[in-house]
Amino acid sequence: MPNDELVRFSITVPEDLLNEFEESYYSENRANRSEAVRNLMRGYISGERWKSNNKKVCATITLVYDHHLPEVTRKLTAAQHDSGEIIICSTHVHLNHSTCLECIITKGLADNIKCFIEALKNIRGVKSLNVNVTSEL
C-alpha cells in the first residue's frame, strides 16, 4: 500500500526554465507547483513502466478507420477478442459515412498491450492510431 505522507524536497533549476514552466503551468489555472511536479513524476514513472514491458500499465488506444474497406471491421473485432484479457472496454462512434473512431481502454502488462497495438496497426484501413499510457500510482 502506498504511503500518502508528503515529503518536502528541493531541486535546483535554471531560472528561465522555472519561469517558462510556471508561465505555462499557471496559464491553465492550476493550483500549485508541487502538484505540477507530482504530475510530471507520475508521467515519467508511467513512461518507464511502458518501456520495461513486464510492468502493469493502463493504456487508451484511439483509432480511426475506414469501415468500408473489406474485412476491416471483422479484423478489428478479431484482434480485440484475441486480446480480451487486457481490454476493459471499448466505444465506437461514426464520424461520417465511411469513417469510424474507436477508443479501447486496456490494462495489463505493457508487452501484451504493445502486441495488441501492433496487431491493430497492421490492419488495412486503420488511418490513425494513438496511445495514451498511464499506470496505477
C-alpha atoms as a PDB file:
ATOM      1  CA  MET A   1       0.000   0.000   0.000  1.00  0.00           C
ATOM      2  CA  PRO A   2       1.478   3.385  -0.952  1.00  0.00           C
ATOM      3  CA  ASN A   3       2.485   5.837   1.730  1.00  0.00           C
ATOM      4  CA  ASP A   4       0.419   9.016   1.372  1.00  0.00           C
ATOM      5  CA  GLU A   5       2.674  11.049   3.656  1.00  0.00           C
ATOM      6  CA  LEU A   6       4.051  14.093   1.859  1.00  0.00           C
ATOM      7  CA  VAL A   7       7.823  14.626   1.792  1.00  0.00           C
ATOM      8  CA  ARG A   8       9.379  18.026   1.179  1.00  0.00           C
ATOM      9  CA  PHE A   9      12.484  18.189  -1.016  1.00  0.00           C
ATOM     10  CA  SER A  10      14.193  20.865  -3.065  1.00  0.00           C
ATOM     11  CA  ILE A  11      15.535  20.958  -6.596  1.00  0.00           C
ATOM     12  CA  THR A  12      17.723  23.419  -8.450  1.00  0.00           C
ATOM     13  CA  VAL A  13      16.843  24.518 -11.986  1.00  0.00           C
ATOM     14  CA  PRO A  14      17.814  27.436 -14.194  1.00  0.00           C
ATOM     15  CA  GLU A  15      15.632  30.466 -13.530  1.00  0.00           C
ATOM     16  CA  ASP A  16      14.495  30.781 -17.151  1.00  0.00           C
ATOM     17  CA  LEU A  17      13.358  27.129 -17.123  1.00  0.00           C
ATOM     18  CA  LEU A  18      11.355  27.678 -13.931  1.00  0.00           C
ATOM     19  CA  ASN A  19       9.831  30.899 -15.294  1.00  0.00           C
ATOM     20  CA  GLU A  20       8.737  29.218 -18.522  1.00  0.00           C
ATOM     21  CA  PHE A  21       7.372  26.221 -16.615  1.00  0.00           C
ATOM     22  CA  GLU A  22       5.359  28.380 -14.221  1.00  0.00           C
ATOM     23  CA  GLU A  23       4.057  30.594 -17.011  1.00  0.00           C
ATOM     24  CA  SER A  24       2.823  27.540 -18.873  1.00  0.00           C
ATOM     25  CA  TYR A  25       1.533  25.725 -15.805  1.00  0.00           C
ATOM     26  CA  TYR A  26      -0.315  28.636 -14.204  1.00  0.00           C
ATOM     27  CA  SER A  27      -1.836  29.746 -17.523  1.00  0.00           C
ATOM     28  CA  GLU A  28      -4.134  26.730 -17.148  1.00  0.00           C
ATOM     29  CA  ASN A  29      -5.362  27.818 -13.679  1.00  0.00           C
ATOM     30  CA  ARG A  30      -3.598  25.042 -11.817  1.00  0.00           C
ATOM     31  CA  ALA A  31      -3.196  25.237  -8.063  1.00  0.00           C
ATOM     32  CA  ASN A  32       0.474  24.889  -7.202  1.00  0.00           C
ATOM     33  CA  ARG A  33       3.964  23.907  -8.255  1.00  0.00           C
ATOM     34  CA  SER A  34       4.020  20.781  -6.055  1.00  0.00           C
ATOM     35  CA  GLU A  35       1.043  19.280  -7.856  1.00  0.00           C
ATOM     36  CA  ALA A  36       2.716  20.043 -11.187  1.00  0.00           C
ATOM     37  CA  VAL A  37       5.865  18.193 -10.145  1.00  0.00           C
ATOM     38  CA  ARG A  38       3.803  15.251  -8.841  1.00  0.00           C
ATOM     39  CA  ASN A  39       2.025  15.024 -12.211  1.00  0.00           C
ATOM     40  CA  LEU A  40       5.349  15.113 -14.067  1.00  0.00           C
ATOM     41  CA  MET A  41       6.737  12.386 -11.809  1.00  0.00           C
ATOM     42  CA  ARG A  42       3.674  10.190 -12.375  1.00  0.00           C
ATOM     43  CA  GLY A  43       4.007  10.666 -16.129  1.00  0.00           C
ATOM     44  CA  TYR A  44       7.687   9.761 -16.014  1.00  0.00           C
ATOM     45  CA  ILE A  45       7.007   6.616 -13.953  1.00  0.00           C
ATOM     46  CA  SER A  46       4.252   5.542 -16.363  1.00  0.00           C
ATOM     47  CA  GLY A  47       6.639   6.010 -19.282  1.00  0.00           C
ATOM     48  CA  GLU A  48       9.302   3.900 -17.583  1.00  0.00           C
ATOM     49  CA  ARG A  49       6.779   1.149 -16.851  1.00  0.00           C
ATOM     50  CA  TRP A  50       5.723   1.246 -20.512  1.00  0.00           C
ATOM     51  CA  LYS A  51       9.348   0.802 -21.598  1.00  0.00           C
ATOM     52  CA  SER A  52      10.008  -2.110 -19.246  1.00  0.00           C
ATOM     53  CA  ASN A  53       7.392  -4.389 -20.923  1.00  0.00           C
ATOM     54  CA  ASN A  54       6.775  -6.553 -17.854  1.00  0.00           C
ATOM     55  CA  LYS A  55       5.143  -3.823 -15.741  1.00  0.00           C
ATOM     56  CA  LYS A  56       1.410  -3.304 -15.434  1.00  0.00           C
ATOM     57  CA  VAL A  57       0.022  -0.209 -17.159  1.00  0.00           C
ATOM     58  CA  CYS A  58      -3.227   1.199 -18.447  1.00  0.00           C
ATOM     59  CA  ALA A  59      -3.485   2.487 -21.997  1.00  0.00           C
ATOM     60  CA  THR A  60      -6.169   4.162 -24.022  1.00  0.00           C
ATOM     61  CA  ILE A  61      -5.907   3.313 -27.701  1.00  0.00           C
ATOM     62  CA  THR A  62      -7.738   5.621 -30.093  1.00  0.00           C
ATOM     63  CA  LEU A  63      -8.022   4.586 -33.704  1.00  0.00           C
ATOM     64  CA  VAL A  64      -9.726   5.952 -36.761  1.00  0.00           C
ATOM     65  CA  TYR A  65     -10.552   3.622 -39.631  1.00  0.00           C
ATOM     66  CA  ASP A  66     -12.460   3.308 -42.885  1.00  0.00           C
ATOM     67  CA  HIS A  67     -15.196   0.769 -42.213  1.00  0.00           C
ATOM     68  CA  HIS A  68     -15.966   0.404 -45.933  1.00  0.00           C
ATOM     69  CA  LEU A  69     -12.720  -1.421 -46.643  1.00  0.00           C
ATOM     70  CA  PRO A  70     -13.214  -5.171 -46.924  1.00  0.00           C
ATOM     71  CA  GLU A  71     -12.658  -7.118 -43.704  1.00  0.00           C
ATOM     72  CA  VAL A  72     -11.515  -4.145 -41.557  1.00  0.00           C
ATOM     73  CA  THR A  73     -14.351  -4.400 -39.050  1.00  0.00           C
ATOM     74  CA  ARG A  74     -14.043  -8.178 -38.774  1.00  0.00           C
ATOM     75  CA  LYS A  75     -10.253  -7.961 -38.274  1.00  0.00           C
ATOM     76  CA  LEU A  76     -10.560  -5.255 -35.616  1.00  0.00           C
ATOM     77  CA  THR A  77     -13.140  -7.321 -33.743  1.00  0.00           C
ATOM     78  CA  ALA A  78     -11.000 -10.465 -34.017  1.00  0.00           C
ATOM     79  CA  ALA A  79      -7.927  -8.613 -32.684  1.00  0.00           C
ATOM     80  CA  GLN A  80      -9.957  -7.411 -29.705  1.00  0.00           C
ATOM     81  CA  HIS A  81     -11.279 -10.903 -28.995  1.00  0.00           C
ATOM     82  CA  ASP A  82      -7.730 -12.287 -29.195  1.00  0.00           C
ATOM     83  CA  SER A  83      -6.647  -9.737 -26.542  1.00  0.00           C
ATOM     84  CA  GLY A  84      -9.740  -9.848 -24.364  1.00  0.00           C
ATOM     85  CA  GLU A  85      -7.735 -10.338 -21.145  1.00  0.00           C
ATOM     86  CA  ILE A  86      -6.286  -6.805 -21.398  1.00  0.00           C
ATOM     87  CA  ILE A  87      -9.360  -4.951 -22.707  1.00  0.00           C
ATOM     88  CA  ILE A  88     -11.519  -3.241 -20.106  1.00  0.00           C
ATOM     89  CA  CYS A  89     -13.962  -1.641 -22.548  1.00  0.00           C
ATOM     90  CA  SER A  90     -14.269  -0.005 -25.930  1.00  0.00           C
ATOM     91  CA  THR A  91     -16.507   2.556 -27.526  1.00  0.00           C
ATOM     92  CA  HIS A  92     -17.265   3.151 -31.174  1.00  0.00           C
ATOM     93  CA  VAL A  93     -18.600   6.246 -32.917  1.00  0.00           C
ATOM     94  CA  HIS A  94     -19.347   7.105 -36.528  1.00  0.00           C
ATOM     95  CA  LEU A  95     -17.503  10.233 -37.654  1.00  0.00           C
ATOM     96  CA  ASN A  96     -19.054  10.284 -41.103  1.00  0.00           C
ATOM     97  CA  HIS A  97     -20.448   7.876 -43.709  1.00  0.00           C
ATOM     98  CA  SER A  98     -17.234   5.871 -44.047  1.00  0.00           C
ATOM     99  CA  THR A  99     -15.050   6.735 -41.061  1.00  0.00           C
ATOM    100  CA  CYS A 100     -15.279   5.376 -37.520  1.00  0.00           C
ATOM    101  CA  LEU A 101     -13.445   6.241 -34.323  1.00  0.00           C
ATOM    102  CA  GLU A 102     -12.890   3.642 -31.645  1.00  0.00           C
ATOM    103  CA  CYS A 103     -11.424   4.058 -28.148  1.00  0.00           C
ATOM    104  CA  ILE A 104     -10.177   0.930 -26.423  1.00  0.00           C
ATOM    105  CA  ILE A 105      -9.219   1.045 -22.742  1.00  0.00           C
ATOM    106  CA  THR A 106      -6.693  -1.590 -21.727  1.00  0.00           C
ATOM    107  CA  LYS A 107      -4.984  -2.745 -18.547  1.00  0.00           C
ATOM    108  CA  GLY A 108      -2.214  -5.302 -18.308  1.00  0.00           C
ATOM    109  CA  LEU A 109       1.458  -5.915 -18.954  1.00  0.00           C
ATOM    110  CA  ALA A 110       2.979  -3.324 -21.266  1.00  0.00           C
ATOM    111  CA  ASP A 111       4.296  -6.036 -23.590  1.00  0.00           C
ATOM    112  CA  ASN A 112       0.818  -7.547 -24.077  1.00  0.00           C
ATOM    113  CA  ILE A 113      -0.677  -4.143 -24.817  1.00  0.00           C
ATOM    114  CA  LYS A 114       2.129  -3.373 -27.297  1.00  0.00           C
ATOM    115  CA  CYS A 115       1.445  -6.654 -29.120  1.00  0.00           C
ATOM    116  CA  PHE A 116      -2.238  -5.743 -29.345  1.00  0.00           C
ATOM    117  CA  ILE A 117      -1.356  -2.296 -30.710  1.00  0.00           C
ATOM    118  CA  GLU A 118       0.903  -3.855 -33.368  1.00  0.00           C
ATOM    119  CA  ALA A 119      -1.933  -6.159 -34.421  1.00  0.00           C
ATOM    120  CA  LEU A 120      -4.219  -3.132 -34.810  1.00  0.00           C
ATOM    121  CA  LYS A 121      -1.614  -1.156 -36.771  1.00  0.00           C
ATOM    122  CA  ASN A 122      -1.263  -3.987 -39.265  1.00  0.00           C
ATOM    123  CA  ILE A 123      -4.938  -3.959 -40.215  1.00  0.00           C
ATOM    124  CA  ARG A 124      -5.510  -2.368 -43.617  1.00  0.00           C
ATOM    125  CA  GLY A 125      -7.977   0.509 -43.249  1.00  0.00           C
ATOM    126  CA  VAL A 126      -6.702   1.860 -39.928  1.00  0.00           C
ATOM    127  CA  LYS A 127      -5.985   5.518 -40.734  1.00  0.00           C
ATOM    128  CA  SER A 128      -4.531   6.573 -37.386  1.00  0.00           C
ATOM    129  CA  LEU A 129      -3.762   5.043 -34.034  1.00  0.00           C
ATOM    130  CA  ASN A 130      -2.785   6.967 -30.894  1.00  0.00           C
ATOM    131  CA  VAL A 131      -1.873   5.592 -27.486  1.00  0.00           C
ATOM    132  CA  ASN A 132      -2.031   7.304 -24.099  1.00  0.00           C
ATOM    133  CA  VAL A 133      -0.308   5.363 -21.306  1.00  0.00           C
ATOM    134  CA  THR A 134      -0.685   5.712 -17.572  1.00  0.00           C
ATOM    135  CA  SER A 135      -0.266   3.474 -14.580  1.00  0.00           C
ATOM    136  CA  GLU A 136      -1.832   2.937 -11.210  1.00  0.00           C
ATOM    137  CA  LEU A 137       0.155   5.034  -8.773  1.00  0.00           C
END
